[in-house]
Amino acid sequence: MKIMTMLHIFFVVIWVGGMFFAHQILRPVAADLLEPPQRLTQWVGVFKRFFPWVWISIAVILATGLTMIGLLGGMGAIPLYVHAMLALGLAMMGIFAHVFFSPYRHLQRHVAGQDWKSGAAALASIRKLVGINLVLGLITIAVATVRPMFA
């Protein structure tokens, strides 16, 4: 169980920490320093490297979380905070899947075609959804750490 918990936390940190860095640090600096062609091309490269880590994180978080739920006796036996974490995590996974298969694909296509205005719109959509996922991720971490209140 300790190995499962460790892996679960490691990959939560990778995903949520990556979103925090991208949204709160990299995005404002890139917006200040780079013109749209460079900025949008940079984001395609950033996402190309980060998104495989998100997919791996989703797989590990889901696998370890569901395994731990099973080891604890199943959905009927787990406390309310675990249900909350699962619901929040599933919502985050759904939002990420939408980002990956819709606005990210649009961003790639628009950057390849040098349509900077449409690319900027796709990036703005990604930014909003990543912001939502970041908030959900931080709430999930809060629920996990103050869990006795949710027991």
Protein backbone atom coordinates (compact mmCIF):
# COMPACT_ATOMS: atom_id res chain seq x y z
CA MET A 1 0.00 0.00 0.00
CA LYS A 2 2.89 2.39 0.77
CA ILE A 3 4.40 1.89 -2.71
CA MET A 4 0.98 2.54 -4.27
CA THR A 5 0.55 5.72 -2.23
CA MET A 6 4.06 6.90 -3.13
CA LEU A 7 3.49 6.34 -6.86
CA HIS A 8 0.09 7.98 -6.65
CA ILE A 9 1.54 11.09 -5.01
CA PHE A 10 4.58 11.24 -7.33
CA PHE A 11 2.38 11.37 -10.41
CA VAL A 12 -0.07 13.84 -8.85
CA VAL A 13 2.93 16.11 -8.22
CA ILE A 14 4.14 15.71 -11.82
CA TRP A 15 0.73 16.58 -13.27
CA VAL A 16 -0.44 19.32 -10.90
CA GLY A 17 3.05 20.77 -10.48
CA GLY A 18 3.50 20.86 -14.24
CA MET A 19 0.21 22.70 -14.65
CA PHE A 20 1.16 25.20 -11.95
CA PHE A 21 4.53 25.89 -13.56
CA ALA A 22 3.09 26.21 -17.07
CA HIS A 23 0.09 28.34 -16.08
CA GLN A 24 1.60 30.61 -13.45
CA ILE A 25 5.28 30.89 -14.48
CA LEU A 26 5.96 29.95 -18.10
CA ARG A 27 2.80 31.46 -19.65
CA PRO A 28 3.25 35.01 -18.33
CA VAL A 29 6.96 35.09 -19.20
CA ALA A 30 6.32 33.75 -22.71
CA ALA A 31 3.52 36.30 -23.22
CA ASP A 32 5.85 39.13 -22.18
CA LEU A 33 8.90 38.06 -24.19
CA LEU A 34 7.73 36.27 -27.32
CA GLU A 35 5.77 37.32 -30.38
CA PRO A 36 2.85 35.06 -31.38
CA PRO A 37 4.77 32.90 -33.89
CA GLN A 38 7.51 32.08 -31.36
CA ARG A 39 5.15 31.84 -28.39
CA LEU A 40 2.67 29.52 -30.10
CA THR A 41 5.46 27.36 -31.52
CA GLN A 42 6.99 27.17 -28.06
CA TRP A 43 3.67 26.00 -26.56
CA VAL A 44 3.30 23.27 -29.16
CA GLY A 45 6.78 22.06 -28.12
CA VAL A 46 6.02 22.35 -24.40
CA PHE A 47 2.79 20.40 -24.74
CA LYS A 48 4.48 17.79 -26.94
CA ARG A 49 6.86 17.07 -24.03
CA PHE A 50 4.41 17.54 -21.14
CA PHE A 51 1.30 15.76 -22.41
CA PRO A 52 2.90 12.27 -22.56
CA TRP A 53 3.75 12.76 -18.87
CA VAL A 54 0.13 13.68 -18.20
CA TRP A 55 -1.08 10.49 -19.92
CA ILE A 56 1.38 8.42 -17.87
CA SER A 57 0.28 10.29 -14.73
CA ILE A 58 -3.37 9.59 -15.47
CA ALA A 59 -2.67 5.89 -15.98
CA VAL A 60 -0.64 5.58 -12.76
CA ILE A 61 -2.99 7.74 -10.66
CA LEU A 62 -6.04 5.81 -11.85
CA ALA A 63 -4.40 2.40 -11.47
CA THR A 64 -2.97 3.07 -8.02
CA GLY A 65 -6.11 4.84 -6.81
CA LEU A 66 -8.47 2.08 -7.91
CA THR A 67 -6.12 -0.59 -6.55
CA MET A 68 -6.00 1.15 -3.17
CA ILE A 69 -9.80 1.45 -3.16
CA GLY A 70 -9.99 -2.29 -3.82
CA LEU A 71 -7.49 -3.04 -1.04
CA LEU A 72 -9.54 -0.92 1.35
CA GLY A 73 -12.68 -2.94 0.64
CA GLY A 74 -14.22 -1.26 -2.40
CA MET A 75 -16.35 1.80 -2.98
CA GLY A 76 -18.76 0.97 -0.17
CA ALA A 77 -15.99 0.77 2.40
CA ILE A 78 -14.00 3.91 1.61
CA PRO A 79 -14.50 7.22 3.37
CA LEU A 80 -16.22 10.20 1.75
CA TYR A 81 -12.94 12.04 1.06
CA VAL A 82 -11.78 9.19 -1.21
CA HIS A 83 -15.04 9.46 -3.18
CA ALA A 84 -14.40 13.21 -3.50
CA MET A 85 -10.82 12.64 -4.67
CA LEU A 86 -11.98 10.09 -7.23
CA ALA A 87 -14.71 12.38 -8.57
CA LEU A 88 -12.36 15.35 -8.82
CA GLY A 89 -9.68 13.21 -10.45
CA LEU A 90 -12.10 11.82 -13.02
CA ALA A 91 -13.27 15.34 -13.85
CA MET A 92 -9.65 16.42 -14.33
CA MET A 93 -8.97 13.44 -16.58
CA GLY A 94 -12.01 14.29 -18.69
CA ILE A 95 -10.95 17.91 -19.02
CA PHE A 96 -7.44 16.87 -20.02
CA ALA A 97 -8.75 14.42 -22.62
CA HIS A 98 -10.83 17.24 -24.09
CA VAL A 99 -7.79 19.57 -24.14
CA PHE A 100 -5.66 16.92 -25.81
CA PHE A 101 -8.15 15.87 -28.48
CA SER A 102 -9.65 19.27 -29.30
CA PRO A 103 -7.91 22.60 -28.60
CA TYR A 104 -4.41 21.08 -28.60
CA ARG A 105 -5.04 19.46 -32.01
CA HIS A 106 -6.35 22.81 -33.26
CA LEU A 107 -3.27 24.58 -31.87
CA GLN A 108 -0.96 22.14 -33.66
CA ARG A 109 -2.83 22.54 -36.93
CA HIS A 110 -2.96 26.34 -36.75
CA VAL A 111 0.72 26.66 -35.85
CA ALA A 112 1.70 24.31 -38.69
CA GLY A 113 -0.37 26.49 -41.04
CA GLN A 114 1.00 29.71 -39.50
CA ASP A 115 -2.51 30.88 -38.63
CA TRP A 116 -1.43 32.77 -35.54
CA LYS A 117 -4.82 34.30 -34.71
CA SER A 118 -6.59 30.92 -34.66
CA GLY A 119 -3.61 29.41 -32.85
CA ALA A 120 -3.87 32.09 -30.16
CA ALA A 121 -7.57 31.29 -29.75
CA ALA A 122 -6.79 27.58 -29.32
CA LEU A 123 -4.08 28.41 -26.78
CA ALA A 124 -6.48 30.66 -24.88
CA SER A 125 -8.93 27.76 -24.66
CA ILE A 126 -6.18 25.47 -23.37
CA ARG A 127 -5.12 28.10 -20.83
CA LYS A 128 -8.66 28.36 -19.41
CA LEU A 129 -9.08 24.59 -19.17
CA VAL A 130 -5.65 24.11 -17.61
CA GLY A 131 -6.57 26.82 -15.10
CA ILE A 132 -9.73 24.92 -14.20
CA ASN A 133 -7.78 21.66 -13.91
CA LEU A 134 -5.14 23.35 -11.77
CA VAL A 135 -7.82 24.55 -9.34
CA LEU A 136 -9.41 21.08 -9.28
CA GLY A 137 -5.99 19.52 -8.68
CA LEU A 138 -5.26 21.86 -5.78
CA ILE A 139 -8.70 21.17 -4.29
CA THR A 140 -8.04 17.43 -4.62
CA ILE A 141 -4.73 17.84 -2.78
CA ALA A 142 -6.50 19.85 -0.08
CA VAL A 143 -9.15 17.14 0.31
CA ALA A 144 -6.42 14.50 0.57
CA THR A 145 -4.52 16.40 3.25
CA VAL A 146 -7.46 17.50 5.42
CA ARG A 147 -9.26 14.20 5.03
CA PRO A 148 -10.32 13.72 8.66
CA MET A 149 -12.79 16.59 8.06
CA PHE A 150 -14.30 14.56 5.19
CA ALA A 151 -14.26 11.14 6.84
